[in-house]
Amino acid sequence: MNTVTKGTSNAKSKKITAAIAVSLVLCIVVQIVSGVGEIEAMTDKLIRLHVVANSDSQIDQELKLKVRDAVLDKASEITAEAENKDEAETLIKGSLSALEDAASKELADNNCSLPVSVSYERAFVDRRQYDDFKLPFGSYDTLCVRIGEAKGKNWWCVLYPSLCVSCAVSIDECGSFSTEELTVVKEPQKVKFKLFFFELFEWVKSLFNDDAKLFEN
């Protein structure tokens, strides 16, 4: 009788242990999914700008920066009344020809006959450190400007909210991010666990996704 009781007790103990283990695993999974979702929501608020020079020659690199400024000025004008990312995206998508014209005009004004293309893409982008914040690797909506053969060094910034060099607004002042989201980009060391799994999931997605991979060069 004692043997039966002991066996029953051991079985119950094992079930309790297994239940606790499963609960802990589920809690961890929920935390991971929640953390990844929070960071994804933050990255989805951004529109990146990617400008690629014709080559690495000094002239082409200087032209890249001039085209960048022309596109930024035009984009700022186009999105001036946008109250959120969705509105900015709609305005930009409807103005790709105007943005391309602005880039072409800047090249022509500098006696350059190179072609230029402007497109709106979903692209995987490397980690990028800016003056006061850092963006993780992941998939972002991106306005891409390619000059000539587009084989030169590229230039990145955040088009929306306006965080590029021509704009004085800091990431704290733009009003688009919560305190938690600002922690992700300004103090990533505090959310290393969340960022690790976010970038891991994004990397796995990139293996099975046809989106462009616009890495820094």
Protein backbone atom coordinates (compact mmCIF):
# COMPACT_ATOMS: atom_id res chain seq x y z
CA MET A 1 0.00 0.00 0.00
CA ASN A 2 2.84 2.33 0.89
CA THR A 3 4.53 1.51 -2.41
CA VAL A 4 1.37 2.42 -4.34
CA THR A 5 0.98 5.66 -2.39
CA LYS A 6 4.62 6.55 -2.97
CA GLY A 7 4.29 5.82 -6.68
CA THR A 8 1.18 7.97 -6.94
CA SER A 9 2.93 10.78 -5.07
CA ASN A 10 5.93 10.61 -7.42
CA ALA A 11 3.65 10.70 -10.45
CA LYS A 12 1.85 13.77 -9.12
CA SER A 13 5.18 15.42 -8.34
CA LYS A 14 6.39 14.79 -11.89
CA LYS A 15 3.18 16.22 -13.33
CA ILE A 16 3.49 19.32 -11.18
CA THR A 17 7.13 19.75 -12.19
CA ALA A 18 6.22 19.31 -15.86
CA ALA A 19 3.37 21.81 -15.53
CA ILE A 20 5.68 24.36 -13.92
CA ALA A 21 8.29 23.83 -16.64
CA VAL A 22 5.70 24.24 -19.40
CA SER A 23 4.34 27.36 -17.72
CA LEU A 24 7.82 28.87 -17.50
CA VAL A 25 8.50 28.10 -21.16
CA LEU A 26 5.17 29.63 -22.17
CA CYS A 27 5.92 32.75 -20.10
CA ILE A 28 9.30 33.09 -21.81
CA VAL A 29 7.74 32.62 -25.26
CA VAL A 30 5.07 35.23 -24.48
CA GLN A 31 7.75 37.66 -23.30
CA ILE A 32 9.82 37.08 -26.45
CA VAL A 33 6.84 37.47 -28.80
CA SER A 34 5.67 40.56 -26.91
CA GLY A 35 9.14 42.13 -27.01
CA VAL A 36 9.57 41.39 -30.71
CA GLY A 37 6.14 42.86 -31.40
CA GLU A 38 6.98 46.05 -29.53
CA ILE A 39 10.17 46.60 -31.54
CA GLU A 40 8.44 45.73 -34.82
CA ALA A 41 5.74 48.30 -34.05
CA MET A 42 8.48 50.88 -33.54
CA THR A 43 10.32 50.08 -36.79
CA ASP A 44 7.01 50.16 -38.67
CA LYS A 45 6.66 53.85 -37.76
CA LEU A 46 9.73 54.71 -39.85
CA ILE A 47 10.43 55.45 -43.49
CA ARG A 48 14.12 55.17 -44.32
CA LEU A 49 15.94 57.04 -47.09
CA HIS A 50 18.62 55.22 -49.07
CA VAL A 51 20.75 57.11 -51.62
CA VAL A 52 23.31 55.19 -53.67
CA ALA A 53 26.04 56.99 -55.62
CA ASN A 54 27.03 56.10 -59.16
CA SER A 55 30.56 55.22 -58.00
CA ASP A 56 33.06 55.95 -55.25
CA SER A 57 34.75 58.78 -57.13
CA GLN A 58 34.87 62.09 -55.30
CA ILE A 59 32.61 63.75 -57.87
CA ASP A 60 29.98 60.99 -57.66
CA GLN A 61 30.05 61.03 -53.87
CA GLU A 62 29.56 64.80 -53.83
CA LEU A 63 26.68 64.45 -56.28
CA LYS A 64 25.13 61.83 -54.01
CA LEU A 65 24.96 64.32 -51.14
CA LYS A 66 23.53 67.04 -53.36
CA VAL A 67 20.85 64.69 -54.65
CA ARG A 68 20.16 63.62 -51.08
CA ASP A 69 19.53 67.21 -50.05
CA ALA A 70 17.27 67.85 -53.05
CA VAL A 71 15.21 64.73 -52.33
CA LEU A 72 14.99 65.57 -48.63
CA ASP A 73 13.77 69.08 -49.39
CA LYS A 74 11.12 67.78 -51.77
CA ALA A 75 10.07 64.99 -49.42
CA SER A 76 9.74 67.44 -46.52
CA GLU A 77 7.50 69.60 -48.69
CA ILE A 78 5.39 66.60 -49.73
CA THR A 79 4.93 65.23 -46.20
CA ALA A 80 4.56 68.58 -44.42
CA GLU A 81 0.90 67.94 -43.56
CA ALA A 82 1.27 64.24 -42.72
CA GLU A 83 0.21 63.45 -39.17
CA ASN A 84 1.49 59.87 -39.11
CA LYS A 85 3.55 57.35 -41.04
CA ASP A 86 0.59 56.01 -43.05
CA GLU A 87 -0.24 59.48 -44.35
CA ALA A 88 3.41 60.19 -45.14
CA GLU A 89 3.70 56.88 -46.98
CA THR A 90 0.63 57.60 -49.11
CA LEU A 91 1.94 61.04 -50.02
CA ILE A 92 5.40 59.74 -50.90
CA LYS A 93 4.09 56.85 -53.00
CA GLY A 94 1.95 59.32 -54.92
CA SER A 95 4.89 61.65 -55.51
CA LEU A 96 7.65 59.34 -56.73
CA SER A 97 7.77 61.13 -60.10
CA ALA A 98 8.13 64.51 -58.39
CA LEU A 99 10.91 63.16 -56.17
CA GLU A 100 12.68 61.69 -59.18
CA ASP A 101 12.32 65.00 -61.03
CA ALA A 102 13.91 66.79 -58.06
CA ALA A 103 16.84 64.37 -58.13
CA SER A 104 17.23 64.67 -61.92
CA LYS A 105 17.13 68.46 -61.76
CA GLU A 106 19.86 68.51 -59.12
CA LEU A 107 22.06 66.33 -61.32
CA ALA A 108 21.37 68.51 -64.37
CA ASP A 109 22.13 71.67 -62.37
CA ASN A 110 25.52 70.14 -61.66
CA ASN A 111 26.16 69.34 -65.34
CA CYS A 112 25.59 65.63 -64.79
CA SER A 113 23.65 63.54 -67.30
CA LEU A 114 23.49 60.35 -65.23
CA PRO A 115 20.05 58.75 -64.91
CA VAL A 116 18.44 58.48 -61.48
CA SER A 117 15.61 56.29 -60.22
CA VAL A 118 13.41 56.72 -57.17
CA SER A 119 11.36 53.85 -55.76
CA TYR A 120 9.51 52.91 -52.59
CA GLU A 121 10.49 49.47 -51.32
CA ARG A 122 10.32 47.15 -48.35
CA ALA A 123 13.91 46.27 -47.60
CA PHE A 124 16.05 44.55 -45.00
CA VAL A 125 18.53 47.04 -43.58
CA ASP A 126 21.63 46.55 -41.44
CA ARG A 127 22.00 48.03 -37.97
CA ARG A 128 22.71 51.72 -38.20
CA GLN A 129 24.15 54.10 -35.61
CA TYR A 130 23.11 57.75 -35.79
CA ASP A 131 24.19 60.64 -33.59
CA ASP A 132 21.87 59.93 -30.69
CA PHE A 133 20.09 56.68 -31.55
CA LYS A 134 20.62 53.27 -33.13
CA LEU A 135 18.26 51.29 -35.35
CA PRO A 136 18.31 47.47 -35.36
CA PHE A 137 18.64 45.17 -38.35
CA GLY A 138 15.27 44.50 -39.87
CA SER A 139 12.76 45.14 -42.61
CA TYR A 140 11.87 48.80 -43.21
CA ASP A 141 9.82 50.82 -45.68
CA THR A 142 12.46 52.65 -47.70
CA LEU A 143 12.60 55.42 -50.28
CA CYS A 144 15.45 54.32 -52.55
CA VAL A 145 17.37 56.74 -54.78
CA ARG A 146 19.83 55.14 -57.20
CA ILE A 147 22.15 57.33 -59.26
CA GLY A 148 23.66 55.99 -62.48
CA GLU A 149 25.02 52.47 -62.00
CA ALA A 150 24.43 52.71 -58.22
CA LYS A 151 27.74 51.03 -57.42
CA GLY A 152 29.12 53.64 -55.04
CA LYS A 153 28.91 54.05 -51.29
CA ASN A 154 25.42 54.65 -50.04
CA TRP A 155 23.88 57.05 -47.55
CA TRP A 156 21.14 56.34 -45.03
CA CYS A 157 18.82 58.37 -42.86
CA VAL A 158 15.28 58.40 -41.50
CA LEU A 159 12.96 60.24 -43.87
CA TYR A 160 9.89 59.99 -41.65
CA PRO A 161 9.77 61.19 -38.96
CA SER A 162 12.17 63.87 -40.18
CA LEU A 163 15.42 62.86 -38.50
CA CYS A 164 17.84 63.51 -41.37
CA VAL A 165 20.75 65.93 -41.22
CA SER A 166 18.79 68.80 -42.74
CA CYS A 167 16.26 68.71 -39.91
CA ALA A 168 16.90 70.01 -36.41
CA VAL A 169 14.26 67.80 -34.77
CA SER A 170 15.75 65.15 -32.47
CA ILE A 171 14.24 61.72 -32.02
CA ASP A 172 13.01 62.80 -28.57
CA GLU A 173 11.24 65.84 -29.99
CA CYS A 174 9.54 64.25 -32.99
CA GLY A 175 6.71 62.88 -30.83
CA SER A 176 6.33 59.62 -32.73
CA PHE A 177 7.71 57.23 -30.14
CA SER A 178 6.71 56.03 -26.68
CA THR A 179 9.15 55.99 -23.78
CA GLU A 180 9.67 52.25 -24.29
CA GLU A 181 10.39 52.71 -28.01
CA LEU A 182 12.88 55.48 -27.27
CA THR A 183 14.67 53.10 -24.92
CA VAL A 184 15.06 50.60 -27.77
CA VAL A 185 16.80 53.11 -30.05
CA LYS A 186 18.63 55.26 -27.49
CA GLU A 187 19.59 52.72 -24.84
CA PRO A 188 19.64 49.36 -26.65
CA GLN A 189 21.83 47.82 -23.95
CA LYS A 190 18.78 47.88 -21.67
CA VAL A 191 16.75 45.71 -24.03
CA LYS A 192 19.46 43.41 -25.41
CA PHE A 193 17.29 40.32 -24.90
CA LYS A 194 14.38 41.74 -26.91
CA LEU A 195 16.66 43.09 -29.64
CA PHE A 196 18.47 39.76 -29.98
CA PHE A 197 15.27 37.88 -30.71
CA PHE A 198 13.86 40.66 -32.91
CA GLU A 199 16.98 40.64 -35.11
CA LEU A 200 17.05 36.83 -35.07
CA PHE A 201 13.45 36.64 -36.31
CA GLU A 202 14.13 39.34 -38.91
CA TRP A 203 17.19 37.43 -40.13
CA VAL A 204 15.14 34.24 -40.50
CA LYS A 205 12.46 36.21 -42.38
CA SER A 206 15.13 37.59 -44.71
CA LEU A 207 16.09 34.05 -45.74
CA PHE A 208 12.60 33.35 -47.09
CA ASN A 209 11.62 36.81 -48.31
CA ASP A 210 12.11 38.47 -51.68
CA ASP A 211 12.44 41.97 -50.20
CA ALA A 212 15.64 43.76 -51.16
CA LYS A 213 18.60 43.58 -48.77
CA LEU A 214 20.09 47.06 -48.71
CA PHE A 215 23.16 46.70 -46.56
CA GLU A 216 25.66 49.46 -45.88
CA ASN A 217 28.68 49.61 -48.18
